[in-house]
């Protein structure tokens, strides 16, 4: 790509659709609710929602975190249902759910009080997702509260009740602690799902699995799955790469070399002199920094790819990340100079590997790319 930009992100919508297809392969019978919260994990809600909507794999709705996100998405996608994961806070938001076909999550007692005062005007039904606190201990009703709410709301003709929960530690099932904790959650949810049945053998539609559950817990797929990070080409599982899971990176973050200079063994670079070159070498200054979203916490040795005359070559971060620049050890790399392209993560360089060197996760890398980095959709 011949871009004049100092830094930019390419968003591969074909890869996004491929990843959705991977979800469909794993969950052939489940409805897919595509999670596009946080501006589609930093990839652009409008463009990603349109690509997901048009994909052959087929989705039955979207999920977002907040009511503001839901309203924005509704202006872009006028008809598919939108699951609001944080639910509603007051009666006006509940009325919006009814008018705009939002499906709110019910997770605390005040919401139940508001629902008692609410009646849907006209035909149709409002879909309410009861959130069971099966072990995450963030949002959610206890088993007893879910049973009581389900019994009460299930009698209403203007409401459709569904059940959901969220796995807290299903990303490392080779760990005995993770496996045991997850099994406890699954059993608690399964018992509740069975006990909520309006009549024997007819439990409400259920949803337990986000990306980790989709990939490794087929018995937990239930009626709906909620893929998030796997859609965007990052692994939710410890020890498994994007490629190993059959996923493709969607975001590739690019920048350019601003300068190349010779440095001597023992010379330091950057704030705090945190790196001294162990040998005579060449150093490249790259046009990206933490004001663009590249993590300041990235340590010396974090990988980057630099485009040379013979292709993409691995290099390593040298010195502290600055607001607008990073520095890398180019070693003996030939055919590079000011203007040469650099990949910070994405195609050829797993974002999860970069995130690990920065003490974080790919979710944070993607969502922290700032507005001064333009997105190019392809």
Protein backbone atom coordinates (compact mmCIF):
# COMPACT_ATOMS: atom_id res chain seq x y z
CA UNK A 1 0.00 0.00 0.00
CA UNK A 2 1.35 3.41 -0.98
CA UNK A 3 -0.21 5.62 1.69
CA UNK A 4 1.01 9.16 2.50
CA UNK A 5 -0.12 8.70 6.10
CA UNK A 6 2.40 8.66 8.93
CA UNK A 7 0.28 6.01 10.65
CA UNK A 8 -2.86 4.20 9.57
CA UNK A 9 -4.88 1.05 10.21
CA UNK A 10 -6.19 -1.21 7.50
CA UNK A 11 -9.41 -3.04 8.33
CA UNK A 12 -9.82 -6.24 6.32
CA UNK A 13 -13.57 -6.81 6.05
CA UNK A 14 -13.05 -10.08 4.17
CA UNK A 15 -11.14 -11.36 7.20
CA UNK A 16 -14.01 -10.24 9.44
CA UNK A 17 -16.47 -12.21 7.33
CA UNK A 18 -14.11 -15.19 7.37
CA UNK A 19 -14.01 -15.12 11.16
CA UNK A 20 -17.79 -14.99 11.31
CA UNK A 21 -17.80 -18.03 9.04
CA UNK A 22 -15.59 -19.78 11.56
CA UNK A 23 -18.21 -19.08 14.23
CA UNK A 24 -20.86 -20.60 11.98
CA UNK A 25 -18.72 -23.72 11.44
CA UNK A 26 -18.43 -24.20 15.19
CA UNK A 27 -22.06 -23.32 15.95
CA UNK A 28 -24.14 -24.57 13.02
CA UNK A 29 -27.44 -24.50 14.89
CA UNK A 30 -27.09 -21.43 17.13
CA UNK A 31 -28.19 -17.89 16.42
CA UNK A 32 -25.17 -15.59 16.16
CA UNK A 33 -25.36 -12.26 17.98
CA UNK A 34 -22.34 -10.32 16.73
CA UNK A 35 -20.76 -8.10 19.39
CA UNK A 36 -19.90 -4.65 18.00
CA UNK A 37 -19.56 -2.68 21.23
CA UNK A 38 -16.73 -0.15 21.70
CA UNK A 39 -16.90 0.87 18.02
CA UNK A 40 -16.60 -2.79 17.00
CA UNK A 41 -13.59 -3.23 19.29
CA UNK A 42 -11.96 -0.21 17.68
CA UNK A 43 -12.51 -1.42 14.11
CA UNK A 44 -15.43 0.87 13.20
CA UNK A 45 -19.03 0.02 14.06
CA UNK A 46 -20.66 1.23 10.86
CA UNK A 47 -18.40 -0.62 8.47
CA UNK A 48 -18.10 -3.80 10.52
CA UNK A 49 -21.84 -4.05 11.21
CA UNK A 50 -22.56 -3.72 7.49
CA UNK A 51 -19.99 -6.38 6.60
CA UNK A 52 -21.31 -8.77 9.23
CA UNK A 53 -24.90 -8.18 8.14
CA UNK A 54 -24.02 -9.05 4.55
CA UNK A 55 -21.93 -12.14 5.35
CA UNK A 56 -23.11 -15.54 4.15
CA UNK A 57 -22.69 -17.06 7.63
CA UNK A 58 -25.73 -15.13 8.81
CA UNK A 59 -26.32 -13.27 12.05
CA UNK A 60 -29.56 -12.80 13.94
CA UNK A 61 -28.63 -9.57 15.71
CA UNK A 62 -25.96 -7.38 17.23
CA UNK A 63 -24.81 -6.76 20.79
CA UNK A 64 -23.54 -3.50 22.28
CA UNK A 65 -22.76 -2.36 25.80
CA UNK A 66 -24.62 0.93 26.19
CA UNK A 67 -27.86 2.54 25.15
CA UNK A 68 -25.96 5.26 23.28
CA UNK A 69 -24.19 2.57 21.26
CA UNK A 70 -27.55 0.94 20.58
CA UNK A 71 -29.07 4.19 19.31
CA UNK A 72 -26.10 4.80 17.02
CA UNK A 73 -26.24 1.27 15.68
CA UNK A 74 -29.99 1.51 15.09
CA UNK A 75 -29.42 4.54 12.86
CA UNK A 76 -27.03 2.38 10.82
CA UNK A 77 -28.90 -0.92 10.90
CA UNK A 78 -32.64 -0.26 10.96
CA UNK A 79 -34.08 -3.72 11.46
CA UNK A 80 -31.94 -6.41 13.17
CA UNK A 81 -32.44 -6.77 16.95
CA UNK A 82 -29.83 -5.15 19.21
CA UNK A 83 -28.92 -6.75 22.52
CA UNK A 84 -28.04 -4.10 25.15
CA UNK A 85 -25.61 -5.83 27.50
CA UNK A 86 -25.72 -3.16 30.22
CA UNK A 87 -29.50 -2.99 30.09
CA UNK A 88 -31.63 0.05 30.88
CA UNK A 89 -31.30 2.44 33.82
CA UNK A 90 -34.61 4.33 33.83
CA UNK A 91 -38.07 4.28 32.29
CA UNK A 92 -37.13 6.44 29.29
CA UNK A 93 -34.46 3.95 28.25
CA UNK A 94 -36.94 1.11 28.68
CA UNK A 95 -39.36 2.93 26.37
CA UNK A 96 -36.55 3.29 23.81
CA UNK A 97 -36.01 -0.46 23.99
CA UNK A 98 -39.63 -1.00 23.05
CA UNK A 99 -39.66 1.60 20.26
CA UNK A 100 -36.31 0.70 18.68
CA UNK A 101 -36.31 -3.10 19.08
CA UNK A 102 -33.53 -3.20 21.62
CA UNK A 103 -33.29 -6.32 23.74
CA UNK A 104 -32.14 -5.19 27.20
CA UNK A 105 -30.41 -7.31 29.82
CA UNK A 106 -32.13 -7.47 33.21
CA UNK A 107 -29.46 -7.77 35.87
CA UNK A 108 -30.63 -5.94 39.03
CA UNK A 109 -33.70 -5.32 41.16
CA UNK A 110 -34.45 -1.72 40.13
CA UNK A 111 -34.83 -2.82 36.52
CA UNK A 112 -37.42 -5.36 37.63
CA UNK A 113 -39.35 -2.60 39.39
CA UNK A 114 -39.34 -0.51 36.20
CA UNK A 115 -40.56 -3.48 34.20
CA UNK A 116 -43.50 -3.96 36.56
CA UNK A 117 -44.63 -0.43 35.67
CA UNK A 118 -44.08 -0.92 31.95
CA UNK A 119 -46.64 -2.11 29.40
CA UNK A 120 -45.87 -2.47 25.72
CA UNK A 121 -48.26 -0.46 23.58
CA UNK A 122 -49.64 -2.15 20.48
CA UNK A 123 -48.76 -5.55 19.07
CA UNK A 124 -45.50 -7.35 19.49
CA UNK A 125 -43.33 -8.35 22.44
CA UNK A 126 -40.29 -6.88 24.14
CA UNK A 127 -37.46 -9.39 24.54
CA UNK A 128 -35.81 -9.32 27.96
CA UNK A 129 -32.61 -11.23 28.74
CA UNK A 130 -32.39 -12.38 32.36
CA UNK A 131 -28.73 -12.32 33.30
CA UNK A 132 -27.69 -15.05 35.70
CA UNK A 133 -24.70 -14.43 37.93
CA UNK A 134 -23.21 -17.89 37.54
CA UNK A 135 -19.81 -16.89 38.91
CA UNK A 136 -18.49 -13.76 37.17
CA UNK A 137 -19.85 -11.61 40.04
CA UNK A 138 -20.21 -8.43 38.02
CA UNK A 139 -23.73 -7.87 36.72
CA UNK A 140 -26.41 -10.50 37.18
CA UNK A 141 -29.17 -11.90 39.35
CA UNK A 142 -28.73 -14.77 41.74
CA UNK A 143 -30.25 -18.13 40.90
CA UNK A 144 -33.14 -17.47 43.27
CA UNK A 145 -33.76 -13.97 41.87
CA UNK A 146 -33.68 -15.31 38.29
CA UNK A 147 -36.25 -17.95 39.15
CA UNK A 148 -38.53 -15.37 40.79
CA UNK A 149 -38.14 -12.88 37.93
CA UNK A 150 -38.68 -15.58 35.33
CA UNK A 151 -41.84 -16.79 37.06
CA UNK A 152 -43.21 -13.26 37.30
CA UNK A 153 -42.27 -11.93 33.88
CA UNK A 154 -42.98 -15.17 32.08
CA UNK A 155 -46.69 -14.61 32.67
CA UNK A 156 -46.63 -11.37 30.69
CA UNK A 157 -47.95 -11.52 27.11
CA UNK A 158 -45.97 -8.41 26.14
CA UNK A 159 -42.58 -9.87 27.14
CA UNK A 160 -40.39 -12.65 25.77
CA UNK A 161 -37.91 -13.98 28.32
CA UNK A 162 -34.46 -15.31 27.49
CA UNK A 163 -31.65 -16.40 29.81
CA UNK A 164 -27.97 -15.57 29.59
CA UNK A 165 -24.78 -15.68 31.59
CA UNK A 166 -21.09 -15.07 30.97
CA UNK A 167 -18.06 -17.30 31.47
CA UNK A 168 -15.41 -15.80 33.71
CA UNK A 169 -12.42 -18.10 33.23
CA UNK A 170 -12.87 -20.25 30.14
CA UNK A 171 -9.76 -19.00 28.35
CA UNK A 172 -7.38 -21.58 29.85
CA UNK A 173 -9.19 -24.86 30.36
CA UNK A 174 -5.90 -26.77 30.57
CA UNK A 175 -5.51 -25.09 33.95
CA UNK A 176 -7.32 -27.24 36.55
CA UNK A 177 -8.60 -24.14 38.30
CA UNK A 178 -10.09 -22.77 35.08
CA UNK A 179 -11.66 -26.11 34.20
CA UNK A 180 -13.23 -26.53 37.64
CA UNK A 181 -14.51 -22.96 37.84
CA UNK A 182 -16.01 -23.16 34.36
CA UNK A 183 -17.68 -26.47 35.12
CA UNK A 184 -19.31 -24.92 38.20
CA UNK A 185 -20.64 -22.08 36.08
CA UNK A 186 -21.97 -24.41 33.41
CA UNK A 187 -23.74 -26.62 35.93
CA UNK A 188 -25.31 -23.63 37.70
CA UNK A 189 -26.56 -22.23 34.40
CA UNK A 190 -27.84 -25.58 33.14
CA UNK A 191 -29.82 -26.21 36.33
CA UNK A 192 -31.35 -22.74 36.18
CA UNK A 193 -32.11 -23.06 32.48
CA UNK A 194 -33.97 -26.31 33.16
CA UNK A 195 -35.82 -24.93 36.19
CA UNK A 196 -37.04 -21.87 34.29
CA UNK A 197 -38.99 -24.01 31.85
CA UNK A 198 -42.57 -22.73 31.54
CA UNK A 199 -43.55 -26.34 31.02
CA UNK A 200 -41.52 -29.57 31.12
CA UNK A 201 -38.91 -29.68 28.36
CA UNK A 202 -39.47 -26.08 27.23
CA UNK A 203 -36.83 -23.85 28.83
CA UNK A 204 -36.45 -20.26 27.57
CA UNK A 205 -33.87 -19.59 24.84
CA UNK A 206 -30.42 -19.43 26.41
CA UNK A 207 -26.98 -17.97 25.76
CA UNK A 208 -23.78 -18.77 27.66
CA UNK A 209 -20.91 -18.60 25.19
CA UNK A 210 -18.86 -15.68 23.98
CA UNK A 211 -15.66 -16.30 21.99
CA UNK A 212 -13.91 -18.69 24.40
CA UNK A 213 -17.00 -20.83 24.88
CA UNK A 214 -17.66 -20.89 21.14
CA UNK A 215 -14.18 -22.25 20.50
CA UNK A 216 -13.84 -24.86 23.21
CA UNK A 217 -17.20 -25.63 24.86
CA UNK A 218 -19.65 -26.96 22.26
CA UNK A 219 -22.08 -28.12 24.95
CA UNK A 220 -22.41 -24.50 26.09
CA UNK A 221 -23.55 -23.03 22.78
CA UNK A 222 -27.27 -23.22 23.62
CA UNK A 223 -29.61 -21.22 21.38
CA UNK A 224 -27.49 -18.10 20.88
CA UNK A 225 -23.75 -17.36 20.90
CA UNK A 226 -22.14 -13.95 21.29
CA UNK A 227 -18.81 -13.80 19.40
CA UNK A 228 -16.69 -10.75 20.15
CA UNK A 229 -12.89 -10.73 20.01
CA UNK A 230 -12.68 -13.77 17.73
CA UNK A 231 -14.57 -11.85 15.03
CA UNK A 232 -11.71 -9.36 14.95
CA UNK A 233 -9.00 -11.99 14.62
CA UNK A 234 -7.58 -12.25 18.11
CA UNK A 235 -7.34 -15.41 20.17
CA UNK A 236 -9.38 -15.50 23.41
CA UNK A 237 -7.57 -18.66 24.52
CA UNK A 238 -4.31 -18.84 26.43
CA UNK A 239 -1.60 -20.54 24.43
CA UNK A 240 -3.48 -20.54 21.11
CA UNK A 241 -2.63 -18.20 18.27
CA UNK A 242 -5.04 -16.60 15.84
CA UNK A 243 -3.87 -18.88 13.04
CA UNK A 244 -4.16 -22.03 15.15
CA UNK A 245 -7.83 -21.20 15.75
CA UNK A 246 -8.53 -20.70 12.06
CA UNK A 247 -8.96 -16.94 12.43
CA UNK A 248 -7.53 -14.05 10.42
CA UNK A 249 -6.43 -10.64 11.73
CA UNK A 250 -8.80 -7.85 10.78
CA UNK A 251 -6.81 -4.79 11.90
CA UNK A 252 -3.26 -4.17 10.73
CA UNK A 253 -1.59 -1.10 12.25
CA UNK A 254 0.97 0.59 10.00
CA UNK A 255 3.48 3.41 10.31
CA UNK A 256 6.64 4.59 8.53
CA UNK A 257 10.29 5.11 9.27
CA UNK A 258 10.98 8.78 9.87
CA UNK A 259 14.75 8.42 10.05
CA UNK A 260 17.55 5.85 10.06
CA UNK A 261 20.79 6.53 11.92
CA UNK A 262 23.97 4.78 12.92
CA UNK A 263 24.49 4.12 16.62
CA UNK A 264 27.50 2.83 18.51
CA UNK A 265 27.67 0.03 21.05
CA UNK A 266 26.80 1.37 24.49
CA UNK A 267 24.77 4.34 23.24
CA UNK A 268 21.35 4.83 24.84
CA UNK A 269 18.10 5.87 23.17
CA UNK A 270 14.89 7.46 24.39
CA UNK A 271 13.53 8.79 27.66
CA UNK A 272 15.11 7.31 30.74
CA UNK A 273 17.89 5.66 28.70
CA UNK A 274 16.15 2.32 29.23
CA UNK A 275 18.02 0.68 26.32
CA UNK A 276 21.67 0.70 25.35
CA UNK A 277 22.67 -0.89 22.09
CA UNK A 278 24.91 -3.93 22.67
CA UNK A 279 26.72 -3.48 19.33
CA UNK A 280 27.23 -1.02 16.53
CA UNK A 281 24.01 -1.04 14.54
CA UNK A 282 21.41 1.03 12.76
CA UNK A 283 18.36 2.42 14.50
CA UNK A 284 15.03 3.34 12.91
CA UNK A 285 12.67 6.02 14.22
CA UNK A 286 9.04 5.02 13.53
CA UNK A 287 6.17 7.50 13.12
CA UNK A 288 3.87 6.16 15.82
CA UNK A 289 3.58 6.51 19.59
CA UNK A 290 1.23 6.28 22.51
CA UNK A 291 -0.82 9.25 21.24
CA UNK A 292 -1.73 6.99 18.32
CA UNK A 293 -2.57 4.07 20.56
CA UNK A 294 0.69 2.13 20.49
CA UNK A 295 1.11 1.00 24.11
CA UNK A 296 3.63 2.93 26.19
CA UNK A 297 4.02 -0.20 28.30
CA UNK A 298 5.58 -2.14 25.40
CA UNK A 299 8.98 -3.37 26.57
CA UNK A 300 12.33 -3.49 24.82
CA UNK A 301 12.32 -6.36 22.35
CA UNK A 302 8.63 -6.05 21.39
CA UNK A 303 8.46 -7.19 17.75
CA UNK A 304 7.64 -5.06 14.72
CA UNK A 305 7.89 -5.81 11.00
CA UNK A 306 9.83 -3.51 8.67
CA UNK A 307 9.43 -3.68 4.89
CA UNK A 308 12.74 -4.01 3.10
CA UNK A 309 13.66 -4.68 -0.51
CA UNK A 310 13.33 -8.42 0.12
CA UNK A 311 10.05 -8.35 2.06
CA UNK A 312 8.87 -7.97 5.63
CA UNK A 313 11.60 -8.47 8.22
CA UNK A 314 11.26 -8.75 12.02
CA UNK A 315 12.88 -6.04 14.14
CA UNK A 316 12.61 -5.17 17.82
CA UNK A 317 11.58 -2.16 19.86
CA UNK A 318 14.57 -0.41 21.44
CA UNK A 319 13.93 2.24 24.08
CA UNK A 320 10.86 3.72 25.67
CA UNK A 321 7.73 4.48 23.62
CA UNK A 322 7.25 8.24 23.13
CA UNK A 323 4.08 10.18 22.37
CA UNK A 324 4.69 10.31 18.61
CA UNK A 325 7.60 7.94 17.95
CA UNK A 326 9.17 4.61 18.73
CA UNK A 327 12.69 3.44 17.95
CA UNK A 328 13.66 0.02 16.66
CA UNK A 329 16.91 -1.87 16.15
CA UNK A 330 17.28 -2.43 12.39
CA UNK A 331 20.44 -4.51 12.71
CA UNK A 332 21.81 -5.51 9.29
CA UNK A 333 18.53 -4.92 7.47
CA UNK A 334 19.16 -3.54 3.97
CA UNK A 335 16.95 -1.57 1.66
CA UNK A 336 15.21 0.55 4.27
CA UNK A 337 15.14 4.28 4.87
CA UNK A 338 12.81 7.17 5.61
CA UNK A 339 9.36 6.26 4.30
CA UNK A 340 9.78 2.51 4.64
CA UNK A 341 6.64 0.86 5.96
CA UNK A 342 6.37 -0.72 9.40
CA UNK A 343 3.69 -3.06 10.78
CA UNK A 344 3.05 -2.81 14.51
CA UNK A 345 0.51 -5.66 14.64
CA UNK A 346 -1.86 -7.46 12.33
CA UNK A 347 -0.99 -9.27 9.10
CA UNK A 348 2.17 -11.25 9.80
CA UNK A 349 2.45 -10.15 13.44
CA UNK A 350 -0.10 -11.45 15.93
CA UNK A 351 -1.61 -8.67 18.04
CA UNK A 352 -1.70 -11.10 20.97
CA UNK A 353 2.09 -11.38 20.88
CA UNK A 354 2.50 -7.59 20.95
CA UNK A 355 -0.08 -7.31 23.72
CA UNK A 356 1.79 -9.85 25.85
CA UNK A 357 4.97 -7.76 25.56
CA UNK A 358 2.99 -4.74 26.72
CA UNK A 359 1.41 -6.50 29.69
CA UNK A 360 -2.10 -6.26 28.26
CA UNK A 361 -4.50 -7.98 25.85
CA UNK A 362 -5.34 -7.41 22.20
CA UNK A 363 -8.78 -6.04 23.17
CA UNK A 364 -7.04 -3.04 24.70
CA UNK A 365 -4.66 -2.57 21.76
CA UNK A 366 -7.56 -2.44 19.31
CA UNK A 367 -9.80 -0.14 21.32
CA UNK A 368 -7.02 2.33 22.17
CA UNK A 369 -6.06 3.20 18.59
CA UNK A 370 -6.81 6.91 18.52
CA UNK A 371 -8.66 9.19 16.14
CA UNK A 372 -5.48 10.52 14.54
CA UNK A 373 -4.92 7.08 12.99
CA UNK A 374 -7.21 6.88 9.94
CA UNK A 375 -8.86 3.56 9.08
CA UNK A 376 -8.69 2.24 5.54
CA UNK A 377 -11.30 -0.44 4.76
CA UNK A 378 -10.49 -3.12 2.28
